[in-house]
Protein backbone atom coordinates (compact mmCIF):
# COMPACT_ATOMS: atom_id res chain seq x y z
CA MET A 1 186.29 107.28 189.15
CA ALA A 2 188.33 110.08 190.71
CA MET A 3 187.13 113.66 190.74
CA VAL A 4 189.32 116.75 190.70
CA LYS A 5 188.64 119.11 193.58
CA ILE A 6 188.71 122.71 192.31
CA ASN A 7 189.96 125.31 194.77
CA LYS A 8 187.37 127.99 195.44
CA LEU A 9 189.86 130.67 194.40
CA LEU A 10 189.49 129.44 190.81
CA ASN A 11 186.62 130.21 188.45
CA LYS A 12 185.45 127.21 186.42
CA ASN A 13 185.51 129.29 183.22
CA MET A 14 189.07 130.51 183.78
CA GLU A 15 191.39 129.80 180.85
CA ILE A 16 194.58 128.00 181.84
CA TYR A 17 197.55 126.81 179.84
CA ARG A 18 200.20 124.10 179.89
CA PHE A 19 203.54 124.47 178.13
CA MET A 20 205.01 121.32 176.59
CA SER A 21 207.04 119.91 173.72
CA PHE A 22 205.23 118.82 170.58
CA PRO A 23 206.09 115.12 171.22
CA MET A 24 204.36 115.40 174.60
CA LEU A 25 201.33 116.90 172.89
CA MET A 26 201.35 113.95 170.48
CA THR A 27 201.34 111.58 173.46
CA LEU A 28 198.15 113.25 174.64
CA ILE A 29 196.56 113.12 171.19
CA GLU A 30 197.68 109.68 169.99
CA LEU A 31 197.87 107.71 173.24
CA LYS A 32 195.19 109.71 175.07
CA LYS A 33 197.19 109.94 178.25
CA MET A 34 199.01 112.58 180.28
CA PRO A 35 202.02 111.91 182.53
CA LEU A 36 202.20 113.15 186.10
CA LYS A 37 205.63 113.28 187.74
CA LYS A 38 206.39 112.64 191.41
CA LEU A 39 206.74 116.06 193.03
CA LEU A 40 209.96 115.11 194.79
CA LEU A 41 211.59 114.59 191.39
CA TRP A 42 210.80 118.07 190.08
CA ASP A 43 213.90 120.16 189.32
CA ASP A 44 213.37 122.76 192.04
CA THR A 45 214.08 121.18 195.44
CA TYR A 46 211.79 123.79 196.99
CA GLU A 47 208.78 122.71 194.91
CA VAL A 48 207.73 120.86 198.04
CA PRO A 49 209.20 122.37 201.23
CA LEU A 50 210.27 118.96 202.51
CA LYS A 51 211.90 119.83 205.79
CA PHE A 52 208.67 121.27 207.17
CA PHE A 53 206.24 118.41 206.83
CA ILE A 54 207.63 115.03 205.79
CA THR A 55 209.62 112.39 207.63
CA ASP A 56 213.11 111.17 206.83
CA GLU A 57 211.63 108.01 205.36
CA GLU A 58 209.36 110.01 203.08
CA ARG A 59 212.33 112.17 202.16
CA LYS A 60 213.88 109.04 200.64
CA MET A 61 210.79 108.79 198.41
CA ARG A 62 209.67 105.48 199.86
CA LYS A 63 206.24 106.70 200.85
CA PHE A 64 205.82 110.12 199.26
CA ASN A 65 202.84 109.61 196.98
CA TYR A 66 202.08 112.99 195.45
CA TYR A 67 202.31 113.60 191.71
CA GLY A 68 201.61 116.70 189.69
CA ALA A 69 201.55 118.82 186.57
CA CYS A 70 201.99 122.58 186.18
CA TRP A 71 199.47 124.84 184.48
CA THR A 72 199.44 128.62 184.30
CA ILE A 73 197.14 131.56 183.66
CA SER A 74 199.86 133.19 181.48
CA HIS A 75 200.50 131.98 177.94
CA ASP A 76 202.15 135.06 176.41
CA SER A 77 205.17 135.13 178.69
CA ASP A 78 208.66 135.60 177.28
CA ALA A 79 210.17 133.78 180.26
CA MET A 80 207.84 130.79 179.93
CA TRP A 81 208.50 130.37 176.20
CA ARG A 82 212.25 130.53 176.69
CA ILE A 83 212.18 128.03 179.55
CA TYR A 84 209.80 125.48 178.06
CA SER A 85 210.57 125.93 174.37
CA PRO A 86 214.37 126.25 174.02
CA ASP A 87 214.22 124.85 170.46
CA MET A 88 211.47 127.34 169.49
CA GLN A 89 209.19 124.40 168.62
CA GLY A 90 207.26 124.15 171.87
CA VAL A 91 203.54 124.71 172.34
CA CYS A 92 201.08 125.46 175.07
CA ILE A 93 197.58 124.05 175.16
CA GLN A 94 194.64 126.18 176.17
CA THR A 95 191.85 124.73 178.26
CA THR A 96 189.66 125.76 181.19
CA VAL A 97 189.50 124.92 184.87
CA GLU A 98 186.19 123.15 184.28
CA LYS A 99 187.66 120.96 181.53
CA ILE A 100 190.55 119.93 183.77
CA SER A 101 188.03 118.90 186.41
CA THR A 102 186.83 116.20 183.99
CA LEU A 103 190.27 114.68 183.28
CA PHE A 104 189.59 111.53 185.26
CA GLU A 105 186.00 110.93 184.17
CA ASP A 106 186.88 108.13 181.75
CA SER A 107 190.21 107.17 183.24
CA ASP A 108 190.89 103.65 184.44
CA ASN A 109 193.51 104.85 186.93
CA ASP A 110 191.66 103.57 190.00
CA ARG A 111 191.37 100.12 188.48
CA THR A 112 194.77 99.69 186.86
CA GLN A 113 197.15 101.97 188.77
CA GLY A 114 195.86 102.61 192.27
CA ARG A 115 193.37 104.74 194.16
CA ILE A 116 193.76 108.45 193.50
CA SER A 117 192.41 111.81 194.61
CA ALA A 118 193.20 115.10 192.88
CA GLU A 119 193.13 118.84 193.46
CA LEU A 120 193.63 121.88 191.22
CA SER A 121 194.74 125.00 193.11
CA PRO A 122 196.75 128.18 192.54
CA VAL A 123 200.29 128.33 193.87
CA GLN A 124 200.96 130.76 196.73
CA TYR A 125 204.21 132.73 196.31
CA GLY A 126 206.39 134.17 199.05
CA ASP A 127 209.06 133.29 201.55
CA ILE A 128 208.54 129.59 202.31
CA GLU A 129 209.26 129.83 206.03
CA THR A 130 207.00 132.86 206.43
CA LEU A 131 204.16 131.28 204.45
CA ILE A 132 204.26 128.15 206.58
CA GLU A 133 204.44 130.05 209.85
CA ASP A 134 201.50 132.24 208.77
CA GLU A 135 199.53 129.15 207.83
CA LYS A 136 200.25 127.54 211.20
CA LYS A 137 199.06 130.65 213.02
CA SER A 138 195.92 131.42 211.04
CA GLY A 139 195.07 128.43 208.89
CA THR A 140 194.90 130.84 205.94
CA LEU A 141 195.65 128.31 203.24
CA PHE A 142 193.21 125.81 204.68
CA TYR A 143 190.59 128.54 204.82
CA LYS A 144 191.15 129.22 201.13
CA GLY A 145 190.19 125.69 200.29
CA TYR A 146 193.54 123.90 200.00
CA THR A 147 193.44 120.18 200.75
CA TRP A 148 197.24 119.85 200.84
CA PRO A 149 198.39 123.45 201.46
CA TYR A 150 202.12 122.76 201.70
CA LEU A 151 202.11 121.38 198.17
CA TYR A 152 201.15 124.79 196.77
CA LEU A 153 203.89 127.01 198.20
CA LYS A 154 206.64 128.48 196.04
CA ARG A 155 209.34 131.13 196.33
CA ASN A 156 208.87 134.67 195.01
CA ALA A 157 211.52 134.08 192.34
CA PHE A 158 208.96 132.01 190.41
CA GLU A 159 206.01 134.38 190.71
CA HIS A 160 206.16 135.12 186.96
CA GLU A 161 204.89 131.56 186.35
CA ASN A 162 201.40 132.34 187.72
CA GLU A 163 201.10 128.63 188.34
CA ILE A 164 197.95 126.59 188.75
CA ARG A 165 199.03 123.17 190.04
CA LEU A 166 197.28 119.85 189.54
CA VAL A 167 198.28 117.50 192.37
CA VAL A 168 197.30 113.85 192.59
CA LYS A 169 197.57 111.70 195.70
CA TYR A 170 198.25 108.16 194.57
CA ASP A 171 197.58 105.31 197.01
CA SER A 172 199.34 102.19 195.80
CA PRO A 173 201.97 99.76 197.10
CA SER A 174 204.11 100.73 194.11
CA LEU A 175 205.15 104.37 193.70
CA PRO A 176 206.80 104.85 190.29
CA ASP A 177 208.47 108.07 189.16
CA HIS A 178 205.50 108.79 186.85
CA ILE A 179 201.84 107.87 186.73
CA PHE A 180 199.45 108.56 183.85
CA ILE A 181 195.96 109.95 183.46
CA THR A 182 194.49 107.59 180.88
CA ASN A 183 191.65 107.52 178.34
CA ILE A 184 191.69 111.28 177.84
CA ASN A 185 189.60 112.71 175.00
CA PRO A 186 191.96 115.39 173.61
CA ASN A 187 189.15 117.24 171.84
CA SER A 188 187.21 117.64 175.07
CA ILE A 189 190.25 119.08 176.87
CA ILE A 190 192.14 121.12 174.28
CA GLU A 191 190.48 124.36 173.15
CA LYS A 192 193.46 125.27 170.98
CA VAL A 193 197.20 124.82 170.66
CA ILE A 194 199.44 127.90 170.69
CA PHE A 195 202.89 127.69 169.10
CA ASP A 196 206.08 129.43 170.18
CA PRO A 197 206.13 132.97 168.70
CA ARG A 198 209.57 132.20 167.20
CA VAL A 199 208.48 129.01 165.41
CA ALA A 200 209.67 128.52 161.82
CA ASP A 201 206.95 128.81 159.18
CA TRP A 202 207.68 125.37 157.69
CA TYR A 203 207.46 123.69 161.10
CA TYR A 204 204.21 125.40 162.04
CA SER A 205 202.68 124.56 158.65
CA THR A 206 203.56 120.89 159.05
CA MET A 207 202.36 120.58 162.63
CA CYS A 208 199.23 122.61 161.87
CA SER A 209 198.30 120.07 159.19
CA TYR A 210 198.69 117.29 161.74
CA LEU A 211 196.47 119.09 164.27
CA ASN A 212 193.85 119.85 161.61
CA ARG A 213 193.49 116.13 160.95
CA HIS A 214 192.56 115.77 164.62
CA ASP A 215 190.15 118.73 164.54
CA ILE A 216 192.34 120.74 166.91
CA LYS A 217 192.64 124.50 166.40
CA SER A 218 196.07 126.11 166.43
CA GLU A 219 197.74 129.49 166.15
CA VAL A 220 201.12 131.14 166.66
CA SER A 221 201.65 133.33 169.71
CA ARG A 222 201.77 137.03 168.84
CA LEU A 223 203.94 137.89 171.81
CA TYR A 224 206.49 139.58 169.54
CA GLY A 225 203.93 140.98 167.11
CA SER A 226 202.09 139.72 164.03
CA ARG A 227 203.95 137.45 161.63
CA LEU A 228 204.69 138.83 158.17
């Protein structure tokens, strides 16, 4: 059974959020699993500052074995809703740092997929080259409790995301594009589901009924004010 290492900069009671489509939420609820995507396949080529710490062979994704999922401390963000919910039907799930630390407690990942280790840490924003040079000189990121510090660096342009990143190191002969955390109990992870503030009433009513059948609380974001 893998355990999630929690960076000491995080408080276990801190509320964190993950934006997603409703079909992805249904995957978590119905199939009790959560996908993790290989970091090298994330849209932003600077998500992992490759040129500073991996070899040419790893650059070709033959051996790079880190996977991840993005969380945030900000749920009422206009930018986040518009990025992750372009159809106005997206949601974000609310949980806590402590609950995320239990994600692998009942998972069979080690047995069926490969040996894994995991870490939850806040992203450090700034100029990538400067951050890495500072880290080399002072060991600042290591001192702050980062196991894989270079996997938590991001450019200032994304600072509005306030990202908390879950990274999994996956040791297996086979390195697929995605791996899955399995056997998740949705009710032990999800405190509530928050809908896009622009969601249509009929859609929210329908999806709310579905969530109620699974004993999952839901509400509509009030980012743009109370609904009439």
